[in-house]
Amino acid sequence: MAYAVVINLDHEHDTYENCRALWAQIQSSMVRAGFRLDGRVFVINLPEQEAGERARAAIEGIEHDRDFSHKRIYNHLRDFYGYDLGCTQNLMVPPASSIQVKEMRRAQ
């Protein structure tokens, strides 16, 4: 089962430099935890509970390694959520119900 984790930083309330440094730490920590970065989403082939625990451990490990303005790491995150990748729907492609397949016959 593929599981995805989305992490968005709070760019509104944090400096560009701090967000950039924090993202580098997040990316490195998540990859070390076994996730691969697919665009801006971290993906891993593990059950939901185990994937969630790994993601939390990776993020909380950053809190112990660096001091970001004496705040908890979660204060720098706008979004931190996970979901079963099978539930993802790409809205840039038409829905499967609207795709029509025509049978083509070979000329003999």
PDB file of N, CA and C in Angstrom:
ATOM      1  N   MET A   1       0.841  -1.167   0.000  1.00  0.00           N
ATOM      2  CA  MET A   1       0.000   0.000   0.000  1.00  0.00           C
ATOM      3  C   MET A   1       0.897   1.246   0.000  1.00  0.00           C
ATOM      4  N   ALA A   2       0.674   2.134  -0.947  1.00  0.00           N
ATOM      5  CA  ALA A   2       1.436   3.383  -0.996  1.00  0.00           C
ATOM      6  C   ALA A   2       0.756   4.415  -0.103  1.00  0.00           C
ATOM      7  N   TYR A   3       1.551   5.090   0.693  1.00  0.00           N
ATOM      8  CA  TYR A   3       1.060   6.095   1.628  1.00  0.00           C
ATOM      9  C   TYR A   3       1.801   7.397   1.349  1.00  0.00           C
ATOM     10  N   ALA A   4       1.075   8.491   1.331  1.00  0.00           N
ATOM     11  CA  ALA A   4       1.658   9.792   1.023  1.00  0.00           C
ATOM     12  C   ALA A   4       1.590  10.708   2.236  1.00  0.00           C
ATOM     13  N   VAL A   5       2.601  11.544   2.385  1.00  0.00           N
ATOM     14  CA  VAL A   5       2.646  12.544   3.450  1.00  0.00           C
ATOM     15  C   VAL A   5       2.870  13.899   2.811  1.00  0.00           C
ATOM     16  N   VAL A   6       2.006  14.845   3.165  1.00  0.00           N
ATOM     17  CA  VAL A   6       2.110  16.212   2.663  1.00  0.00           C
ATOM     18  C   VAL A   6       2.592  17.098   3.803  1.00  0.00           C
ATOM     19  N   ILE A   7       3.617  17.884   3.514  1.00  0.00           N
ATOM     20  CA  ILE A   7       4.149  18.826   4.505  1.00  0.00           C
ATOM     21  C   ILE A   7       4.258  20.184   3.828  1.00  0.00           C
ATOM     22  N   ASN A   8       3.547  21.153   4.366  1.00  0.00           N
ATOM     23  CA  ASN A   8       3.649  22.529   3.877  1.00  0.00           C
ATOM     24  C   ASN A   8       4.086  23.410   5.035  1.00  0.00           C
ATOM     25  N   LEU A   9       5.045  24.255   4.775  1.00  0.00           N
ATOM     26  CA  LEU A   9       5.549  25.167   5.800  1.00  0.00           C
ATOM     27  C   LEU A   9       4.678  26.410   5.897  1.00  0.00           C
ATOM     28  N   ASP A  10       4.752  27.071   7.022  1.00  0.00           N
ATOM     29  CA  ASP A  10       3.977  28.294   7.251  1.00  0.00           C
ATOM     30  C   ASP A  10       4.772  29.492   6.754  1.00  0.00           C
ATOM     31  N   HIS A  11       4.756  29.695   5.447  1.00  0.00           N
ATOM     32  CA  HIS A  11       5.520  30.786   4.831  1.00  0.00           C
ATOM     33  C   HIS A  11       4.997  32.162   5.230  1.00  0.00           C
ATOM     34  N   GLU A  12       3.750  32.238   5.625  1.00  0.00           N
ATOM     35  CA  GLU A  12       3.162  33.518   6.026  1.00  0.00           C
ATOM     36  C   GLU A  12       3.805  34.082   7.287  1.00  0.00           C
ATOM     37  N   HIS A  13       4.155  33.210   8.205  1.00  0.00           N
ATOM     38  CA  HIS A  13       4.632  33.657   9.512  1.00  0.00           C
ATOM     39  C   HIS A  13       6.098  33.337   9.774  1.00  0.00           C
ATOM     40  N   ASP A  14       6.818  32.895   8.749  1.00  0.00           N
ATOM     41  CA  ASP A  14       8.212  32.539   8.923  1.00  0.00           C
ATOM     42  C   ASP A  14       9.039  33.161   7.807  1.00  0.00           C
ATOM     43  N   THR A  15      10.298  33.347   8.036  1.00  0.00           N
ATOM     44  CA  THR A  15      11.147  33.963   7.021  1.00  0.00           C
ATOM     45  C   THR A  15      11.467  32.973   5.908  1.00  0.00           C
ATOM     46  N   TYR A  16      11.781  33.501   4.746  1.00  0.00           N
ATOM     47  CA  TYR A  16      12.154  32.676   3.601  1.00  0.00           C
ATOM     48  C   TYR A  16      13.379  31.835   3.945  1.00  0.00           C
ATOM     49  N   GLU A  17      14.365  32.441   4.562  1.00  0.00           N
ATOM     50  CA  GLU A  17      15.594  31.734   4.897  1.00  0.00           C
ATOM     51  C   GLU A  17      15.327  30.572   5.855  1.00  0.00           C
ATOM     52  N   ASN A  18      14.496  30.811   6.860  1.00  0.00           N
ATOM     53  CA  ASN A  18      14.185  29.771   7.832  1.00  0.00           C
ATOM     54  C   ASN A  18      13.397  28.631   7.171  1.00  0.00           C
ATOM     55  N   CYS A  19      12.435  28.989   6.317  1.00  0.00           N
ATOM     56  CA  CYS A  19      11.646  27.966   5.615  1.00  0.00           C
ATOM     57  C   CYS A  19      12.537  27.138   4.693  1.00  0.00           C
ATOM     58  N   ARG A  20      13.437  27.789   4.018  1.00  0.00           N
ATOM     59  CA  ARG A  20      14.329  27.069   3.101  1.00  0.00           C
ATOM     60  C   ARG A  20      15.226  26.089   3.864  1.00  0.00           C
ATOM     61  N   ALA A  21      15.790  26.551   4.972  1.00  0.00           N
ATOM     62  CA  ALA A  21      16.645  25.686   5.783  1.00  0.00           C
ATOM     63  C   ALA A  21      15.832  24.543   6.395  1.00  0.00           C
ATOM     64  N   LEU A  22      14.646  24.858   6.857  1.00  0.00           N
ATOM     65  CA  LEU A  22      13.795  23.842   7.463  1.00  0.00           C
ATOM     66  C   LEU A  22      13.367  22.798   6.427  1.00  0.00           C
ATOM     67  N   TRP A  23      13.030  23.240   5.208  1.00  0.00           N
ATOM     68  CA  TRP A  23      12.626  22.287   4.173  1.00  0.00           C
ATOM     69  C   TRP A  23      13.778  21.333   3.842  1.00  0.00           C
ATOM     70  N   ALA A  24      14.981  21.837   3.791  1.00  0.00           N
ATOM     71  CA  ALA A  24      16.141  20.975   3.521  1.00  0.00           C
ATOM     72  C   ALA A  24      16.264  19.909   4.613  1.00  0.00           C
ATOM     73  N   GLN A  25      16.049  20.308   5.849  1.00  0.00           N
ATOM     74  CA  GLN A  25      16.096  19.362   6.969  1.00  0.00           C
ATOM     75  C   GLN A  25      14.969  18.336   6.868  1.00  0.00           C
ATOM     76  N   ILE A  26      13.766  18.801   6.537  1.00  0.00           N
ATOM     77  CA  ILE A  26      12.615  17.914   6.415  1.00  0.00           C
ATOM     78  C   ILE A  26      12.852  16.893   5.308  1.00  0.00           C
ATOM     79  N   GLN A  27      13.278  17.371   4.161  1.00  0.00           N
ATOM     80  CA  GLN A  27      13.506  16.486   3.026  1.00  0.00           C
ATOM     81  C   GLN A  27      14.544  15.418   3.371  1.00  0.00           C
ATOM     82  N   SER A  28      15.633  15.827   3.958  1.00  0.00           N
ATOM     83  CA  SER A  28      16.697  14.895   4.331  1.00  0.00           C
ATOM     84  C   SER A  28      16.195  13.873   5.361  1.00  0.00           C
ATOM     85  N   SER A  29      15.477  14.339   6.353  1.00  0.00           N
ATOM     86  CA  SER A  29      14.985  13.459   7.415  1.00  0.00           C
ATOM     87  C   SER A  29      13.954  12.467   6.887  1.00  0.00           C
ATOM     88  N   MET A  30      13.062  12.919   6.023  1.00  0.00           N
ATOM     89  CA  MET A  30      12.034  12.034   5.471  1.00  0.00           C
ATOM     90  C   MET A  30      12.656  10.983   4.546  1.00  0.00           C
ATOM     91  N   VAL A  31      13.634  11.364   3.752  1.00  0.00           N
ATOM     92  CA  VAL A  31      14.308  10.407   2.866  1.00  0.00           C
ATOM     93  C   VAL A  31      15.064   9.375   3.693  1.00  0.00           C
ATOM     94  N   ARG A  32      15.732   9.818   4.757  1.00  0.00           N
ATOM     95  CA  ARG A  32      16.424   8.876   5.650  1.00  0.00           C
ATOM     96  C   ARG A  32      15.440   7.899   6.295  1.00  0.00           C
ATOM     97  N   ALA A  33      14.199   8.354   6.500  1.00  0.00           N
ATOM     98  CA  ALA A  33      13.175   7.503   7.118  1.00  0.00           C
ATOM     99  C   ALA A  33      12.566   6.523   6.123  1.00  0.00           C
ATOM    100  N   GLY A  34      12.986   6.608   4.851  1.00  0.00           N
ATOM    101  CA  GLY A  34      12.512   5.656   3.858  1.00  0.00           C
ATOM    102  C   GLY A  34      11.508   6.190   2.863  1.00  0.00           C
ATOM    103  N   PHE A  35      11.153   7.467   2.975  1.00  0.00           N
ATOM    104  CA  PHE A  35      10.219   8.078   2.038  1.00  0.00           C
ATOM    105  C   PHE A  35      10.963   8.516   0.784  1.00  0.00           C
ATOM    106  N   ARG A  36      10.258   8.577  -0.321  1.00  0.00           N
ATOM    107  CA  ARG A  36      10.820   9.186  -1.530  1.00  0.00           C
ATOM    108  C   ARG A  36       9.992  10.420  -1.830  1.00  0.00           C
ATOM    109  N   LEU A  37      10.637  11.415  -2.352  1.00  0.00           N
ATOM    110  CA  LEU A  37       9.958  12.668  -2.659  1.00  0.00           C
ATOM    111  C   LEU A  37       9.413  12.596  -4.075  1.00  0.00           C
ATOM    112  N   ASP A  38       8.103  12.744  -4.215  1.00  0.00           N
ATOM    113  CA  ASP A  38       7.425  12.746  -5.505  1.00  0.00           C
ATOM    114  C   ASP A  38       6.772  14.109  -5.655  1.00  0.00           C
ATOM    115  N   GLY A  39       7.483  15.025  -6.327  1.00  0.00           N
ATOM    116  CA  GLY A  39       7.021  16.419  -6.379  1.00  0.00           C
ATOM    117  C   GLY A  39       7.224  17.034  -5.011  1.00  0.00           C
ATOM    118  N   ARG A  40       6.128  17.401  -4.364  1.00  0.00           N
ATOM    119  CA  ARG A  40       6.197  17.939  -2.995  1.00  0.00           C
ATOM    120  C   ARG A  40       5.528  16.994  -2.006  1.00  0.00           C
ATOM    121  N   VAL A  41       5.347  15.735  -2.399  1.00  0.00           N
ATOM    122  CA  VAL A  41       4.698  14.739  -1.548  1.00  0.00           C
ATOM    123  C   VAL A  41       5.696  13.624  -1.256  1.00  0.00           C
ATOM    124  N   PHE A  42       5.771  13.232  -0.002  1.00  0.00           N
ATOM    125  CA  PHE A  42       6.638  12.129   0.395  1.00  0.00           C
ATOM    126  C   PHE A  42       5.824  10.832   0.332  1.00  0.00           C
ATOM    127  N   VAL A  43       6.371   9.811  -0.332  1.00  0.00           N
ATOM    128  CA  VAL A  43       5.646   8.553  -0.552  1.00  0.00           C
ATOM    129  C   VAL A  43       6.465   7.394  -0.007  1.00  0.00           C
ATOM    130  N   ILE A  44       5.753   6.427   0.566  1.00  0.00           N
ATOM    131  CA  ILE A  44       6.391   5.215   1.088  1.00  0.00           C
ATOM    132  C   ILE A  44       5.411   4.052   0.941  1.00  0.00           C
ATOM    133  N   ASN A  45       5.914   2.856   0.727  1.00  0.00           N
ATOM    134  CA  ASN A  45       5.067   1.666   0.621  1.00  0.00           C
ATOM    135  C   ASN A  45       5.019   0.953   1.966  1.00  0.00           C
ATOM    136  N   LEU A  46       4.198   1.481   2.845  1.00  0.00           N
ATOM    137  CA  LEU A  46       3.990   0.898   4.168  1.00  0.00           C
ATOM    138  C   LEU A  46       2.530   1.071   4.564  1.00  0.00           C
ATOM    139  N   PRO A  47       2.054   0.281   5.510  1.00  0.00           N
ATOM    140  CA  PRO A  47       0.701   0.494   6.025  1.00  0.00           C
ATOM    141  C   PRO A  47       0.585   1.873   6.692  1.00  0.00           C
ATOM    142  N   GLU A  48      -0.628   2.372   6.727  1.00  0.00           N
ATOM    143  CA  GLU A  48      -0.903   3.723   7.230  1.00  0.00           C
ATOM    144  C   GLU A  48      -0.285   4.016   8.589  1.00  0.00           C
ATOM    145  N   GLN A  49      -0.490   3.152   9.551  1.00  0.00           N
ATOM    146  CA  GLN A  49      -0.006   3.415  10.905  1.00  0.00           C
ATOM    147  C   GLN A  49       1.519   3.507  10.949  1.00  0.00           C
ATOM    148  N   GLU A  50       2.189   2.553  10.312  1.00  0.00           N
ATOM    149  CA  GLU A  50       3.650   2.555  10.326  1.00  0.00           C
ATOM    150  C   GLU A  50       4.203   3.765   9.573  1.00  0.00           C
ATOM    151  N   ALA A  51       3.598   4.105   8.449  1.00  0.00           N
ATOM    152  CA  ALA A  51       4.052   5.268   7.682  1.00  0.00           C
ATOM    153  C   ALA A  51       3.871   6.548   8.493  1.00  0.00           C
ATOM    154  N   GLY A  52       2.727   6.681   9.162  1.00  0.00           N
ATOM    155  CA  GLY A  52       2.475   7.863   9.991  1.00  0.00           C
ATOM    156  C   GLY A  52       3.463   7.983  11.135  1.00  0.00           C
ATOM    157  N   GLU A  53       3.756   6.862  11.765  1.00  0.00           N
ATOM    158  CA  GLU A  53       4.725   6.866  12.872  1.00  0.00           C
ATOM    159  C   GLU A  53       6.109   7.269  12.376  1.00  0.00           C
ATOM    160  N   ARG A  54       6.498   6.760  11.207  1.00  0.00           N
ATOM    161  CA  ARG A  54       7.808   7.136  10.646  1.00  0.00           C
ATOM    162  C   ARG A  54       7.871   8.620  10.311  1.00  0.00           C
ATOM    163  N   ALA A  55       6.807   9.130   9.732  1.00  0.00           N
ATOM    164  CA  ALA A  55       6.776  10.558   9.372  1.00  0.00           C
ATOM    165  C   ALA A  55       6.872  11.429  10.621  1.00  0.00           C
ATOM    166  N   ARG A  56       6.099  11.100  11.649  1.00  0.00           N
ATOM    167  CA  ARG A  56       6.150  11.879  12.901  1.00  0.00           C
ATOM    168  C   ARG A  56       7.539  11.811  13.529  1.00  0.00           C
ATOM    169  N   ALA A  57       8.125  10.629  13.541  1.00  0.00           N
ATOM    170  CA  ALA A  57       9.463  10.472  14.121  1.00  0.00           C
ATOM    171  C   ALA A  57      10.491  11.286  13.343  1.00  0.00           C
ATOM    172  N   ALA A  58      10.378  11.294  12.029  1.00  0.00           N
ATOM    173  CA  ALA A  58      11.317  12.060  11.197  1.00  0.00           C
ATOM    174  C   ALA A  58      11.204  13.552  11.488  1.00  0.00           C
ATOM    175  N   ILE A  59       9.979  14.049  11.606  1.00  0.00           N
ATOM    176  CA  ILE A  59       9.761  15.478  11.869  1.00  0.00           C
ATOM    177  C   ILE A  59      10.184  15.832  13.291  1.00  0.00           C
ATOM    178  N   GLU A  60       9.824  15.012  14.244  1.00  0.00           N
ATOM    179  CA  GLU A  60      10.193  15.295  15.630  1.00  0.00           C
ATOM    180  C   GLU A  60      11.694  15.176  15.843  1.00  0.00           C
ATOM    181  N   GLY A  61      12.371  14.357  15.033  1.00  0.00           N
ATOM    182  CA  GLY A  61      13.824  14.270  15.110  1.00  0.00           C
ATOM    183  C   GLY A  61      14.491  15.579  14.739  1.00  0.00           C
ATOM    184  N   ILE A  62      13.885  16.316  13.836  1.00  0.00           N
ATOM    185  CA  ILE A  62      14.420  17.631  13.450  1.00  0.00           C
ATOM    186  C   ILE A  62      14.362  18.582  14.637  1.00  0.00           C
ATOM    187  N   GLU A  63      13.281  18.485  15.388  1.00  0.00           N
ATOM    188  CA  GLU A  63      13.121  19.361  16.555  1.00  0.00           C
ATOM    189  C   GLU A  63      14.270  19.176  17.538  1.00  0.00           C
ATOM    190  N   HIS A  64      14.751  17.967  17.677  1.00  0.00           N
ATOM    191  CA  HIS A  64      15.840  17.689  18.611  1.00  0.00           C
ATOM    192  C   HIS A  64      17.207  18.088  18.041  1.00  0.00           C
ATOM    193  N   ASP A  65      17.308  18.131  16.709  1.00  0.00           N
ATOM    194  CA  ASP A  65      18.584  18.444  16.068  1.00  0.00           C
ATOM    195  C   ASP A  65      18.852  19.940  15.913  1.00  0.00           C
ATOM    196  N   ARG A  66      17.786  20.711  15.712  1.00  0.00           N
ATOM    197  CA  ARG A  66      17.965  22.143  15.434  1.00  0.00           C
ATOM    198  C   ARG A  66      17.040  22.973  16.296  1.00  0.00           C
ATOM    199  N   ASP A  67      17.429  24.209  16.505  1.00  0.00           N
ATOM    200  CA  ASP A  67      16.609  25.138  17.267  1.00  0.00           C
ATOM    201  C   ASP A  67      16.071  26.180  16.299  1.00  0.00           C
ATOM    202  N   PHE A  68      14.801  26.124  16.001  1.00  0.00           N
ATOM    203  CA  PHE A  68      14.172  27.104  15.123  1.00  0.00           C
ATOM    204  C   PHE A  68      13.410  28.104  15.986  1.00  0.00           C
ATOM    205  N   SER A  69      14.072  29.178  16.352  1.00  0.00           N
ATOM    206  CA  SER A  69      13.474  30.276  17.124  1.00  0.00           C
ATOM    207  C   SER A  69      12.841  29.799  18.425  1.00  0.00           C
ATOM    208  N   HIS A  70      13.406  28.765  19.023  1.00  0.00           N
ATOM    209  CA  HIS A  70      12.924  28.240  20.300  1.00  0.00           C
ATOM    210  C   HIS A  70      11.460  27.831  20.241  1.00  0.00           C
ATOM    211  N   LYS A  71      10.991  27.414  19.076  1.00  0.00           N
ATOM    212  CA  LYS A  71       9.608  26.969  18.923  1.00  0.00           C
ATOM    213  C   LYS A  71       9.590  25.489  18.620  1.00  0.00           C
ATOM    214  N   ARG A  72       8.474  24.902  18.876  1.00  0.00           N
ATOM    215  CA  ARG A  72       8.276  23.516  18.458  1.00  0.00           C
ATOM    216  C   ARG A  72       8.233  23.468  16.938  1.00  0.00           C
ATOM    217  N   ILE A  73       8.687  22.368  16.374  1.00  0.00           N
ATOM    218  CA  ILE A  73       8.726  22.197  14.922  1.00  0.00           C
ATOM    219  C   ILE A  73       7.334  22.360  14.317  1.00  0.00           C
ATOM    220  N   TYR A  74       6.309  21.893  15.029  1.00  0.00           N
ATOM    221  CA  TYR A  74       4.947  21.967  14.504  1.00  0.00           C
ATOM    222  C   TYR A  74       4.460  23.403  14.337  1.00  0.00           C
ATOM    223  N   ASN A  75       5.066  24.335  15.026  1.00  0.00           N
ATOM    224  CA  ASN A  75       4.696  25.747  14.861  1.00  0.00           C
ATOM    225  C   ASN A  75       5.135  26.294  13.509  1.00  0.00           C
ATOM    226  N   HIS A  76       6.006  25.594  12.830  1.00  0.00           N
ATOM    227  CA  HIS A  76       6.499  26.035  11.523  1.00  0.00           C
ATOM    228  C   HIS A  76       5.754  25.363  10.374  1.00  0.00           C
ATOM    229  N   LEU A  77       4.870  24.431  10.707  1.00  0.00           N
ATOM    230  CA  LEU A  77       4.158  23.685   9.678  1.00  0.00           C
ATOM    231  C   LEU A  77       2.743  24.213   9.510  1.00  0.00           C
ATOM    232  N   ARG A  78       2.347  24.413   8.277  1.00  0.00           N
ATOM    233  CA  ARG A  78       0.962  24.779   7.984  1.00  0.00           C
ATOM    234  C   ARG A  78       0.135  23.502   7.829  1.00  0.00           C
ATOM    235  N   ASP A  79       0.694  22.521   7.104  1.00  0.00           N
ATOM    236  CA  ASP A  79       0.012  21.240   6.887  1.00  0.00           C
ATOM    237  C   ASP A  79       0.988  20.104   7.145  1.00  0.00           C
ATOM    238  N   PHE A  80       0.488  19.055   7.751  1.00  0.00           N
ATOM    239  CA  PHE A  80       1.257  17.830   7.965  1.00  0.00           C
ATOM    240  C   PHE A  80       0.234  16.705   8.057  1.00  0.00           C
ATOM    241  N   TYR A  81      -0.044  16.091   6.922  1.00  0.00           N
ATOM    242  CA  TYR A  81      -1.054  15.041   6.921  1.00  0.00           C
ATOM    243  C   TYR A  81      -0.659  13.928   5.966  1.00  0.00           C
ATOM    244  N   GLY A  82      -1.263  12.779   6.175  1.00  0.00           N
ATOM    245  CA  GLY A  82      -0.983  11.632   5.340  1.00  0.00           C
ATOM    246  C   GLY A  82      -2.268  11.015   4.837  1.00  0.00           C
ATOM    247  N   TYR A  83      -2.145  10.252   3.758  1.00  0.00           N
ATOM    248  CA  TYR A  83      -3.309   9.591   3.189  1.00  0.00           C
ATOM    249  C   TYR A  83      -2.868   8.424   2.319  1.00  0.00           C
ATOM    250  N   ASP A  84      -3.791   7.495   2.111  1.00  0.00           N
ATOM    251  CA  ASP A  84      -3.572   6.365   1.224  1.00  0.00           C
ATOM    252  C   ASP A  84      -3.485   6.914  -0.194  1.00  0.00           C
ATOM    253  N   LEU A  85      -2.397   6.648  -0.861  1.00  0.00           N
ATOM    254  CA  LEU A  85      -2.183   7.183  -2.202  1.00  0.00           C
ATOM    255  C   LEU A  85      -3.218   6.666  -3.192  1.00  0.00           C
ATOM    256  N   GLY A  86      -3.817   5.524  -2.909  1.00  0.00           N
ATOM    257  CA  GLY A  86      -4.863   4.988  -3.771  1.00  0.00           C
ATOM    258  C   GLY A  86      -6.098   5.858  -3.799  1.00  0.00           C
ATOM    259  N   CYS A  87      -6.248   6.748  -2.823  1.00  0.00           N
ATOM    260  CA  CYS A  87      -7.405   7.651  -2.768  1.00  0.00           C
ATOM    261  C   CYS A  87      -7.185   8.928  -3.577  1.00  0.00           C
ATOM    262  N   THR A  88      -6.023   9.079  -4.169  1.00  0.00           N
ATOM    263  CA  THR A  88      -5.701  10.294  -4.907  1.00  0.00           C
ATOM    264  C   THR A  88      -6.394  10.296  -6.260  1.00  0.00           C
ATOM    265  N   GLN A  89      -6.947  11.433  -6.604  1.00  0.00           N
ATOM    266  CA  GLN A  89      -7.576  11.595  -7.908  1.00  0.00           C
ATOM    267  C   GLN A  89      -6.912  12.767  -8.612  1.00  0.00           C
ATOM    268  N   ASN A  90      -6.349  12.522  -9.775  1.00  0.00           N
ATOM    269  CA  ASN A  90      -5.730  13.581 -10.567  1.00  0.00           C
ATOM    270  C   ASN A  90      -6.828  14.338 -11.294  1.00  0.00           C
ATOM    271  N   LEU A  91      -7.084  15.560 -10.900  1.00  0.00           N
ATOM    272  CA  LEU A  91      -8.161  16.351 -11.483  1.00  0.00           C
ATOM    273  C   LEU A  91      -7.762  16.996 -12.805  1.00  0.00           C
ATOM    274  N   MET A  92      -6.524  16.777 -13.237  1.00  0.00           N
ATOM    275  CA  MET A  92      -6.082  17.317 -14.519  1.00  0.00           C
ATOM    276  C   MET A  92      -6.438  16.376 -15.674  1.00  0.00           C
ATOM    277  N   VAL A  93      -6.913  15.182 -15.367  1.00  0.00           N
ATOM    278  CA  VAL A  93      -7.343  14.243 -16.407  1.00  0.00           C
ATOM    279  C   VAL A  93      -8.848  14.036 -16.265  1.00  0.00           C
ATOM    280  N   PRO A  94      -9.513  13.691 -17.369  1.00  0.00           N
ATOM    281  CA  PRO A  94     -10.964  13.488 -17.275  1.00  0.00           C
ATOM    282  C   PRO A  94     -11.291  12.283 -16.408  1.00  0.00           C
ATOM    283  N   PRO A  95     -12.478  12.283 -15.815  1.00  0.00           N
ATOM    284  CA  PRO A  95     -12.865  11.125 -15.010  1.00  0.00           C
ATOM    285  C   PRO A  95     -12.953   9.875 -15.883  1.00  0.00           C
ATOM    286  N   ALA A  96     -12.669   8.737 -15.294  1.00  0.00           N
ATOM    287  CA  ALA A  96     -12.669   7.473 -16.034  1.00  0.00           C
ATOM    288  C   ALA A  96     -14.015   7.221 -16.705  1.00  0.00           C
ATOM    289  N   SER A  97     -15.104   7.661 -16.090  1.00  0.00           N
ATOM    290  CA  SER A  97     -16.437   7.418 -16.659  1.00  0.00           C
ATOM    291  C   SER A  97     -16.655   8.156 -17.977  1.00  0.00           C
ATOM    292  N   SER A  98     -15.878   9.207 -18.216  1.00  0.00           N
ATOM    293  CA  SER A  98     -16.063   9.977 -19.450  1.00  0.00           C
ATOM    294  C   SER A  98     -15.165   9.485 -20.590  1.00  0.00           C
ATOM    295  N   ILE A  99     -14.292   8.546 -20.309  1.00  0.00           N
ATOM    296  CA  ILE A  99     -13.401   8.017 -21.339  1.00  0.00           C
ATOM    297  C   ILE A  99     -14.116   6.887 -22.072  1.00  0.00           C
ATOM    298  N   GLN A 100     -14.194   7.023 -23.383  1.00  0.00           N
ATOM    299  CA  GLN A 100     -14.858   6.006 -24.195  1.00  0.00           C
ATOM    300  C   GLN A 100     -13.812   5.282 -25.029  1.00  0.00           C
ATOM    301  N   VAL A 101     -13.913   3.977 -25.024  1.00  0.00           N
ATOM    302  CA  VAL A 101     -12.987   3.151 -25.784  1.00  0.00           C
ATOM    303  C   VAL A 101     -13.741   2.611 -26.999  1.00  0.00           C
ATOM    304  N   LYS A 102     -13.172   2.851 -28.180  1.00  0.00           N
ATOM    305  CA  LYS A 102     -13.795   2.364 -29.410  1.00  0.00           C
ATOM    306  C   LYS A 102     -13.033   1.152 -29.901  1.00  0.00           C
ATOM    307  N   GLU A 103     -13.768   0.170 -30.317  1.00  0.00           N
ATOM    308  CA  GLU A 103     -13.154  -1.032 -30.849  1.00  0.00           C
ATOM    309  C   GLU A 103     -12.725  -0.767 -32.286  1.00  0.00           C
ATOM    310  N   MET A 104     -11.501  -1.106 -32.586  1.00  0.00           N
ATOM    311  CA  MET A 104     -11.004  -0.935 -33.946  1.00  0.00           C
ATOM    312  C   MET A 104     -10.849  -2.308 -34.578  1.00  0.00           C
ATOM    313  N   ARG A 105     -11.308  -2.454 -35.753  1.00  0.00           N
ATOM    314  CA  ARG A 105     -11.192  -3.730 -36.464  1.00  0.00           C
ATOM    315  C   ARG A 105     -10.070  -3.633 -37.455  1.00  0.00           C
ATOM    316  N   ARG A 106      -9.330  -4.686 -37.524  1.00  0.00           N
ATOM    317  CA  ARG A 106      -8.213  -4.741 -38.470  1.00  0.00           C
ATOM    318  C   ARG A 106      -8.732  -4.998 -39.884  1.00  0.00           C
ATOM    319  N   ALA A 107      -8.124  -4.322 -40.812  1.00  0.00           N
ATOM    320  CA  ALA A 107      -8.460  -4.568 -42.224  1.00  0.00           C
ATOM    321  C   ALA A 107      -7.834  -5.887 -42.666  1.00  0.00           C
ATOM    322  N   GLN A 108      -8.582  -6.678 -43.390  1.00  0.00           N
ATOM    323  CA  GLN A 108      -8.051  -7.977 -43.807  1.00  0.00           C
ATOM    324  C   GLN A 108      -7.768  -8.035 -45.256  1.00  0.00           C
TER     325      GLN A 108
END
